[in-house]
mmCIF file of all heavy atoms, coordinates in Angstrom:
data_MODEL
# 
_entry.id   MODEL 
# 
loop_
_atom_site.group_PDB 
_atom_site.id 
_atom_site.type_symbol 
_atom_site.label_atom_id 
_atom_site.label_alt_id 
_atom_site.label_comp_id 
_atom_site.label_asym_id 
_atom_site.label_entity_id 
_atom_site.label_seq_id 
_atom_site.pdbx_PDB_ins_code 
_atom_site.Cartn_x 
_atom_site.Cartn_y 
_atom_site.Cartn_z 
_atom_site.occupancy 
_atom_site.B_iso_or_equiv 
_atom_site.pdbx_formal_charge 
_atom_site.auth_seq_id 
_atom_site.auth_comp_id 
_atom_site.auth_asym_id 
_atom_site.auth_atom_id 
_atom_site.pdbx_PDB_model_num 
ATOM 1   N N   . ASP A 1 1  ? 0.851  -1.179 -0.009  1.00 0.00 ? 1  ASP A N   1 
ATOM 2   C CA  . ASP A 1 1  ? -0.002 0.011  0.014   1.00 0.00 ? 1  ASP A CA  1 
ATOM 3   C C   . ASP A 1 1  ? 0.891  1.257  -0.007  1.00 0.00 ? 1  ASP A C   1 
ATOM 4   O O   . ASP A 1 1  ? 0.796  2.095  0.888   1.00 0.00 ? 1  ASP A O   1 
ATOM 5   C CB  . ASP A 1 1  ? -0.943 -0.012 1.205   1.00 0.00 ? 1  ASP A CB  1 
ATOM 6   C CG  . ASP A 1 1  ? -1.943 1.156  1.164   1.00 0.00 ? 1  ASP A CG  1 
ATOM 7   O OD1 . ASP A 1 1  ? -2.280 1.566  0.041   1.00 0.00 ? 1  ASP A OD1 1 
ATOM 8   O OD2 . ASP A 1 1  ? -2.353 1.605  2.241   1.00 0.00 ? 1  ASP A OD2 1 
ATOM 9   N N   . THR A 1 2  ? 1.718  1.344  -0.981  1.00 0.00 ? 2  THR A N   1 
ATOM 10  C CA  . THR A 1 2  ? 2.662  2.477  -1.090  1.00 0.00 ? 2  THR A CA  1 
ATOM 11  C C   . THR A 1 2  ? 2.472  3.180  -2.408  1.00 0.00 ? 2  THR A C   1 
ATOM 12  O O   . THR A 1 2  ? 1.834  2.714  -3.338  1.00 0.00 ? 2  THR A O   1 
ATOM 13  C CB  . THR A 1 2  ? 4.095  1.964  -0.993  1.00 0.00 ? 2  THR A CB  1 
ATOM 14  O OG1 . THR A 1 2  ? 4.344  1.063  -2.081  1.00 0.00 ? 2  THR A OG1 1 
ATOM 15  C CG2 . THR A 1 2  ? 4.358  1.274  0.342   1.00 0.00 ? 2  THR A CG2 1 
ATOM 16  N N   . GLY A 1 3  ? 3.095  4.346  -2.495  1.00 0.00 ? 3  GLY A N   1 
ATOM 17  C CA  . GLY A 1 3  ? 3.024  5.108  -3.740  1.00 0.00 ? 3  GLY A CA  1 
ATOM 18  C C   . GLY A 1 3  ? 3.633  4.384  -4.890  1.00 0.00 ? 3  GLY A C   1 
ATOM 19  O O   . GLY A 1 3  ? 3.110  4.370  -6.012  1.00 0.00 ? 3  GLY A O   1 
ATOM 20  N N   . THR A 1 4  ? 4.774  3.696  -4.662  1.00 0.00 ? 4  THR A N   1 
ATOM 21  C CA  . THR A 1 4  ? 5.419  2.928  -5.711  1.00 0.00 ? 4  THR A CA  1 
ATOM 22  C C   . THR A 1 4  ? 4.560  1.775  -6.190  1.00 0.00 ? 4  THR A C   1 
ATOM 23  O O   . THR A 1 4  ? 4.553  1.396  -7.371  1.00 0.00 ? 4  THR A O   1 
ATOM 24  C CB  . THR A 1 4  ? 6.811  2.449  -5.312  1.00 0.00 ? 4  THR A CB  1 
ATOM 25  O OG1 . THR A 1 4  ? 6.733  1.810  -4.023  1.00 0.00 ? 4  THR A OG1 1 
ATOM 26  C CG2 . THR A 1 4  ? 7.803  3.599  -5.214  1.00 0.00 ? 4  THR A CG2 1 
ATOM 27  N N   . ALA A 1 5  ? 3.822  1.129  -5.254  1.00 0.00 ? 5  ALA A N   1 
ATOM 28  C CA  . ALA A 1 5  ? 2.921  0.078  -5.632  1.00 0.00 ? 5  ALA A CA  1 
ATOM 29  C C   . ALA A 1 5  ? 1.833  0.618  -6.571  1.00 0.00 ? 5  ALA A C   1 
ATOM 30  O O   . ALA A 1 5  ? 1.478  -0.018 -7.570  1.00 0.00 ? 5  ALA A O   1 
ATOM 31  C CB  . ALA A 1 5  ? 2.305  -0.573 -4.397  1.00 0.00 ? 5  ALA A CB  1 
ATOM 32  N N   . GLN A 1 6  ? 1.363  1.782  -6.258  1.00 0.00 ? 6  GLN A N   1 
ATOM 33  C CA  . GLN A 1 6  ? 0.312  2.399  -7.111  1.00 0.00 ? 6  GLN A CA  1 
ATOM 34  C C   . GLN A 1 6  ? 0.906  2.726  -8.485  1.00 0.00 ? 6  GLN A C   1 
ATOM 35  O O   . GLN A 1 6  ? 0.223  2.509  -9.508  1.00 0.00 ? 6  GLN A O   1 
ATOM 36  C CB  . GLN A 1 6  ? -0.248 3.658  -6.438  1.00 0.00 ? 6  GLN A CB  1 
ATOM 37  C CG  . GLN A 1 6  ? -1.081 3.345  -5.220  1.00 0.00 ? 6  GLN A CG  1 
ATOM 38  C CD  . GLN A 1 6  ? -1.627 4.601  -4.545  1.00 0.00 ? 6  GLN A CD  1 
ATOM 39  O OE1 . GLN A 1 6  ? -1.355 5.711  -5.016  1.00 0.00 ? 6  GLN A OE1 1 
ATOM 40  N NE2 . GLN A 1 6  ? -2.393 4.423  -3.503  1.00 0.00 ? 6  GLN A NE2 1 
ATOM 41  N N   . LEU A 1 7  ? 2.111  3.223  -8.541  1.00 0.00 ? 7  LEU A N   1 
ATOM 42  C CA  . LEU A 1 7  ? 2.726  3.531  -9.814  1.00 0.00 ? 7  LEU A CA  1 
ATOM 43  C C   . LEU A 1 7  ? 2.885  2.283  -10.658 1.00 0.00 ? 7  LEU A C   1 
ATOM 44  O O   . LEU A 1 7  ? 2.725  2.319  -11.883 1.00 0.00 ? 7  LEU A O   1 
ATOM 45  C CB  . LEU A 1 7  ? 4.118  4.148  -9.588  1.00 0.00 ? 7  LEU A CB  1 
ATOM 46  C CG  . LEU A 1 7  ? 4.166  5.580  -8.973  1.00 0.00 ? 7  LEU A CG  1 
ATOM 47  C CD1 . LEU A 1 7  ? 5.632  5.996  -8.775  1.00 0.00 ? 7  LEU A CD1 1 
ATOM 48  C CD2 . LEU A 1 7  ? 3.454  6.563  -9.889  1.00 0.00 ? 7  LEU A CD2 1 
ATOM 49  N N   . SER A 1 8  ? 3.181  1.146  -10.015 1.00 0.00 ? 8  SER A N   1 
ATOM 50  C CA  . SER A 1 8  ? 3.433  -0.097 -10.760 1.00 0.00 ? 8  SER A CA  1 
ATOM 51  C C   . SER A 1 8  ? 2.181  -0.606 -11.453 1.00 0.00 ? 8  SER A C   1 
ATOM 52  O O   . SER A 1 8  ? 2.297  -1.427 -12.384 1.00 0.00 ? 8  SER A O   1 
ATOM 53  C CB  . SER A 1 8  ? 3.948  -1.175 -9.792  1.00 0.00 ? 8  SER A CB  1 
ATOM 54  O OG  . SER A 1 8  ? 2.943  -1.641 -8.913  1.00 0.00 ? 8  SER A OG  1 
ATOM 55  N N   . HIS A 1 9  ? 1.014  -0.164 -11.043 1.00 0.00 ? 9  HIS A N   1 
ATOM 56  C CA  . HIS A 1 9  ? -0.235 -0.635 -11.696 1.00 0.00 ? 9  HIS A CA  1 
ATOM 57  C C   . HIS A 1 9  ? -0.649 0.247  -12.875 1.00 0.00 ? 9  HIS A C   1 
ATOM 58  O O   . HIS A 1 9  ? -1.605 -0.037 -13.558 1.00 0.00 ? 9  HIS A O   1 
ATOM 59  C CB  . HIS A 1 9  ? -1.370 -0.662 -10.654 1.00 0.00 ? 9  HIS A CB  1 
ATOM 60  C CG  . HIS A 1 9  ? -1.158 -1.656 -9.566  1.00 0.00 ? 9  HIS A CG  1 
ATOM 61  N ND1 . HIS A 1 9  ? -1.030 -3.003 -9.827  1.00 0.00 ? 9  HIS A ND1 1 
ATOM 62  C CD2 . HIS A 1 9  ? -1.096 -1.530 -8.251  1.00 0.00 ? 9  HIS A CD2 1 
ATOM 63  C CE1 . HIS A 1 9  ? -0.872 -3.659 -8.718  1.00 0.00 ? 9  HIS A CE1 1 
ATOM 64  N NE2 . HIS A 1 9  ? -0.895 -2.790 -7.702  1.00 0.00 ? 9  HIS A NE2 1 
ATOM 65  N N   . MET A 1 10 ? 0.119  1.338  -13.119 1.00 0.00 ? 10 MET A N   1 
ATOM 66  C CA  . MET A 1 10 ? -0.248 2.208  -14.238 1.00 0.00 ? 10 MET A CA  1 
ATOM 67  C C   . MET A 1 10 ? 0.294  1.665  -15.520 1.00 0.00 ? 10 MET A C   1 
ATOM 68  O O   . MET A 1 10 ? 1.189  0.803  -15.546 1.00 0.00 ? 10 MET A O   1 
ATOM 69  C CB  . MET A 1 10 ? 0.315  3.638  -13.952 1.00 0.00 ? 10 MET A CB  1 
ATOM 70  C CG  . MET A 1 10 ? -0.214 4.250  -12.614 1.00 0.00 ? 10 MET A CG  1 
ATOM 71  S SD  . MET A 1 10 ? 0.325  5.964  -12.354 1.00 0.00 ? 10 MET A SD  1 
ATOM 72  C CE  . MET A 1 10 ? -0.834 6.796  -13.474 1.00 0.00 ? 10 MET A CE  1 
ATOM 73  N N   . LYS A 1 11 ? -0.261 2.149  -16.615 1.00 0.00 ? 11 LYS A N   1 
ATOM 74  C CA  . LYS A 1 11 ? 0.080  1.565  -17.916 1.00 0.00 ? 11 LYS A CA  1 
ATOM 75  C C   . LYS A 1 11 ? 0.164  2.655  -18.971 1.00 0.00 ? 11 LYS A C   1 
ATOM 76  O O   . LYS A 1 11 ? -0.186 3.814  -18.727 1.00 0.00 ? 11 LYS A O   1 
ATOM 77  C CB  . LYS A 1 11 ? -0.935 0.509  -18.352 1.00 0.00 ? 11 LYS A CB  1 
ATOM 78  C CG  . LYS A 1 11 ? -2.365 1.054  -18.456 1.00 0.00 ? 11 LYS A CG  1 
ATOM 79  C CD  . LYS A 1 11 ? -3.349 -0.045 -18.701 1.00 0.00 ? 11 LYS A CD  1 
ATOM 80  C CE  . LYS A 1 11 ? -4.758 0.469  -18.939 1.00 0.00 ? 11 LYS A CE  1 
ATOM 81  N NZ  . LYS A 1 11 ? -5.271 1.287  -17.790 1.00 0.00 ? 11 LYS A NZ  1 
ATOM 82  N N   . ALA A 1 12 ? 0.647  2.291  -20.165 1.00 0.00 ? 12 ALA A N   1 
ATOM 83  C CA  . ALA A 1 12 ? 0.739  3.228  -21.270 1.00 0.00 ? 12 ALA A CA  1 
ATOM 84  C C   . ALA A 1 12 ? -0.598 3.842  -21.537 1.00 0.00 ? 12 ALA A C   1 
ATOM 85  O O   . ALA A 1 12 ? -1.613 3.155  -21.559 1.00 0.00 ? 12 ALA A O   1 
ATOM 86  C CB  . ALA A 1 12 ? 1.273  2.512  -22.499 1.00 0.00 ? 12 ALA A CB  1 
ATOM 87  N N   . GLY A 1 13 ? -0.632 5.170  -21.722 1.00 0.00 ? 13 GLY A N   1 
ATOM 88  C CA  . GLY A 1 13 ? -1.868 5.897  -21.946 1.00 0.00 ? 13 GLY A CA  1 
ATOM 89  C C   . GLY A 1 13 ? -2.354 6.590  -20.717 1.00 0.00 ? 13 GLY A C   1 
ATOM 90  O O   . GLY A 1 13 ? -3.137 7.571  -20.824 1.00 0.00 ? 13 GLY A O   1 
ATOM 91  N N   . ASP A 1 14 ? -1.983 6.125  -19.545 1.00 0.00 ? 14 ASP A N   1 
ATOM 92  C CA  . ASP A 1 14 ? -2.285 6.808  -18.295 1.00 0.00 ? 14 ASP A CA  1 
ATOM 93  C C   . ASP A 1 14 ? -1.414 8.072  -18.168 1.00 0.00 ? 14 ASP A C   1 
ATOM 94  O O   . ASP A 1 14 ? -0.451 8.232  -18.913 1.00 0.00 ? 14 ASP A O   1 
ATOM 95  C CB  . ASP A 1 14 ? -2.050 5.904  -17.094 1.00 0.00 ? 14 ASP A CB  1 
ATOM 96  C CG  . ASP A 1 14 ? -3.015 4.747  -17.032 1.00 0.00 ? 14 ASP A CG  1 
ATOM 97  O OD1 . ASP A 1 14 ? -4.093 4.821  -17.697 1.00 0.00 ? 14 ASP A OD1 1 
ATOM 98  O OD2 . ASP A 1 14 ? -2.713 3.756  -16.341 1.00 0.00 ? 14 ASP A OD2 1 
ATOM 99  N N   . SER A 1 15 ? -1.743 8.934  -17.254 1.00 0.00 ? 15 SER A N   1 
ATOM 100 C CA  . SER A 1 15 ? -0.944 10.108 -17.024 1.00 0.00 ? 15 SER A CA  1 
ATOM 101 C C   . SER A 1 15 ? -0.714 10.318 -15.545 1.00 0.00 ? 15 SER A C   1 
ATOM 102 O O   . SER A 1 15 ? -1.477 9.812  -14.697 1.00 0.00 ? 15 SER A O   1 
ATOM 103 C CB  . SER A 1 15 ? -1.606 11.355 -17.660 1.00 0.00 ? 15 SER A CB  1 
ATOM 104 O OG  . SER A 1 15 ? -2.828 11.626 -16.997 1.00 0.00 ? 15 SER A OG  1 
ATOM 105 N N   . LEU A 1 16 ? 0.318  11.052 -15.195 1.00 0.00 ? 16 LEU A N   1 
ATOM 106 C CA  . LEU A 1 16 ? 0.613  11.380 -13.777 1.00 0.00 ? 16 LEU A CA  1 
ATOM 107 C C   . LEU A 1 16 ? 1.328  12.725 -13.760 1.00 0.00 ? 16 LEU A C   1 
ATOM 108 O O   . LEU A 1 16 ? 1.694  13.279 -14.780 1.00 0.00 ? 16 LEU A O   1 
ATOM 109 C CB  . LEU A 1 16 ? 1.449  10.292 -13.139 1.00 0.00 ? 16 LEU A CB  1 
ATOM 110 C CG  . LEU A 1 16 ? 2.642  9.671  -13.909 1.00 0.00 ? 16 LEU A CG  1 
ATOM 111 C CD1 . LEU A 1 16 ? 3.801  10.616 -14.028 1.00 0.00 ? 16 LEU A CD1 1 
ATOM 112 C CD2 . LEU A 1 16 ? 3.093  8.405  -13.155 1.00 0.00 ? 16 LEU A CD2 1 
ATOM 113 N N   . SER A 1 17 ? 1.515  13.258 -12.574 1.00 0.00 ? 17 SER A N   1 
ATOM 114 C CA  . SER A 1 17 ? 2.164  14.512 -12.368 1.00 0.00 ? 17 SER A CA  1 
ATOM 115 C C   . SER A 1 17 ? 3.610  14.342 -11.896 1.00 0.00 ? 17 SER A C   1 
ATOM 116 O O   . SER A 1 17 ? 3.842  13.457 -11.051 1.00 0.00 ? 17 SER A O   1 
ATOM 117 C CB  . SER A 1 17 ? 1.386  15.398 -11.376 1.00 0.00 ? 17 SER A CB  1 
ATOM 118 O OG  . SER A 1 17 ? 0.126  15.721 -11.903 1.00 0.00 ? 17 SER A OG  1 
ATOM 119 N N   . VAL A 1 18 ? 4.496  15.132 -12.409 1.00 0.00 ? 18 VAL A N   1 
ATOM 120 C CA  . VAL A 1 18 ? 5.899  15.064 -12.023 1.00 0.00 ? 18 VAL A CA  1 
ATOM 121 C C   . VAL A 1 18 ? 6.484  16.488 -11.913 1.00 0.00 ? 18 VAL A C   1 
ATOM 122 O O   . VAL A 1 18 ? 5.944  17.423 -12.469 1.00 0.00 ? 18 VAL A O   1 
ATOM 123 C CB  . VAL A 1 18 ? 6.743  14.281 -13.049 1.00 0.00 ? 18 VAL A CB  1 
ATOM 124 C CG1 . VAL A 1 18 ? 6.230  12.847 -13.209 1.00 0.00 ? 18 VAL A CG1 1 
ATOM 125 C CG2 . VAL A 1 18 ? 6.792  14.999 -14.428 1.00 0.00 ? 18 VAL A CG2 1 
ATOM 126 N N   . ILE A 1 19 ? 7.574  16.586 -11.176 1.00 0.00 ? 19 ILE A N   1 
ATOM 127 C CA  . ILE A 1 19 ? 8.420  17.758 -11.145 1.00 0.00 ? 19 ILE A CA  1 
ATOM 128 C C   . ILE A 1 19 ? 9.826  17.326 -11.417 1.00 0.00 ? 19 ILE A C   1 
ATOM 129 O O   . ILE A 1 19 ? 10.327 16.345 -10.836 1.00 0.00 ? 19 ILE A O   1 
ATOM 130 C CB  . ILE A 1 19 ? 8.362  18.496 -9.786  1.00 0.00 ? 19 ILE A CB  1 
ATOM 131 C CG1 . ILE A 1 19 ? 6.936  18.877 -9.452  1.00 0.00 ? 19 ILE A CG1 1 
ATOM 132 C CG2 . ILE A 1 19 ? 9.243  19.734 -9.817  1.00 0.00 ? 19 ILE A CG2 1 
ATOM 133 C CD1 . ILE A 1 19 ? 6.783  19.530 -8.059  1.00 0.00 ? 19 ILE A CD1 1 
ATOM 134 N N   . GLY A 1 20 ? 10.530 18.019 -12.306 1.00 0.00 ? 20 GLY A N   1 
ATOM 135 C CA  . GLY A 1 20 ? 11.913 17.659 -12.547 1.00 0.00 ? 20 GLY A CA  1 
ATOM 136 C C   . GLY A 1 20 ? 12.458 18.251 -13.816 1.00 0.00 ? 20 GLY A C   1 
ATOM 137 O O   . GLY A 1 20 ? 11.703 18.927 -14.579 1.00 0.00 ? 20 GLY A O   1 
ATOM 138 N N   . PRO A 1 21 ? 13.733 18.036 -14.069 1.00 0.00 ? 21 PRO A N   1 
ATOM 139 C CA  . PRO A 1 21 ? 14.644 17.263 -13.239 1.00 0.00 ? 21 PRO A CA  1 
ATOM 140 C C   . PRO A 1 21 ? 15.070 18.070 -12.009 1.00 0.00 ? 21 PRO A C   1 
ATOM 141 O O   . PRO A 1 21 ? 15.151 19.280 -12.039 1.00 0.00 ? 21 PRO A O   1 
ATOM 142 C CB  . PRO A 1 21 ? 15.840 17.018 -14.157 1.00 0.00 ? 21 PRO A CB  1 
ATOM 143 C CG  . PRO A 1 21 ? 15.807 18.222 -15.055 1.00 0.00 ? 21 PRO A CG  1 
ATOM 144 C CD  . PRO A 1 21 ? 14.368 18.543 -15.285 1.00 0.00 ? 21 PRO A CD  1 
ATOM 145 N N   . LEU A 1 22 ? 15.304 17.374 -10.902 1.00 0.00 ? 22 LEU A N   1 
ATOM 146 C CA  . LEU A 1 22 ? 15.659 17.984 -9.626  1.00 0.00 ? 22 LEU A CA  1 
ATOM 147 C C   . LEU A 1 22 ? 17.022 17.523 -9.164  1.00 0.00 ? 22 LEU A C   1 
ATOM 148 O O   . LEU A 1 22 ? 17.512 16.473 -9.559  1.00 0.00 ? 22 LEU A O   1 
ATOM 149 C CB  . LEU A 1 22 ? 14.583 17.653 -8.545  1.00 0.00 ? 22 LEU A CB  1 
ATOM 150 C CG  . LEU A 1 22 ? 13.182 18.170 -8.800  1.00 0.00 ? 22 LEU A CG  1 
ATOM 151 C CD1 . LEU A 1 22 ? 12.228 17.673 -7.781  1.00 0.00 ? 22 LEU A CD1 1 
ATOM 152 C CD2 . LEU A 1 22 ? 13.169 19.722 -8.819  1.00 0.00 ? 22 LEU A CD2 1 
ATOM 153 N N   . GLY A 1 23 ? 17.584 18.314 -8.284  1.00 0.00 ? 23 GLY A N   1 
ATOM 154 C CA  . GLY A 1 23 ? 18.921 17.988 -7.715  1.00 0.00 ? 23 GLY A CA  1 
ATOM 155 C C   . GLY A 1 23 ? 20.054 18.265 -8.642  1.00 0.00 ? 23 GLY A C   1 
ATOM 156 O O   . GLY A 1 23 ? 19.896 18.844 -9.738  1.00 0.00 ? 23 GLY A O   1 
ATOM 157 N N   . ASN A 1 24 ? 21.244 17.954 -8.194  1.00 0.00 ? 24 ASN A N   1 
ATOM 158 C CA  . ASN A 1 24 ? 22.463 18.172 -8.955  1.00 0.00 ? 24 ASN A CA  1 
ATOM 159 C C   . ASN A 1 24 ? 23.040 16.845 -9.384  1.00 0.00 ? 24 ASN A C   1 
ATOM 160 O O   . ASN A 1 24 ? 23.166 15.924 -8.580  1.00 0.00 ? 24 ASN A O   1 
ATOM 161 C CB  . ASN A 1 24 ? 23.464 18.975 -8.150  1.00 0.00 ? 24 ASN A CB  1 
ATOM 162 C CG  . ASN A 1 24 ? 22.962 20.357 -7.878  1.00 0.00 ? 24 ASN A CG  1 
ATOM 163 O OD1 . ASN A 1 24 ? 22.994 21.206 -8.779  1.00 0.00 ? 24 ASN A OD1 1 
ATOM 164 N ND2 . ASN A 1 24 ? 22.510 20.623 -6.642  1.00 0.00 ? 24 ASN A ND2 1 
ATOM 165 N N   . GLY A 1 25 ? 23.428 16.723 -10.626 1.00 0.00 ? 25 GLY A N   1 
ATOM 166 C CA  . GLY A 1 25 ? 23.888 15.473 -11.177 1.00 0.00 ? 25 GLY A CA  1 
ATOM 167 C C   . GLY A 1 25 ? 25.394 15.308 -11.062 1.00 0.00 ? 25 GLY A C   1 
ATOM 168 O O   . GLY A 1 25 ? 26.094 16.073 -10.472 1.00 0.00 ? 25 GLY A O   1 
# 
């Protein structure tokens, strides 16, 4: 029951929100 578990159930054609790129490489 975690965020990554929810992400793993998503598929091509779905959408989500992101911020990035973040940090220093």
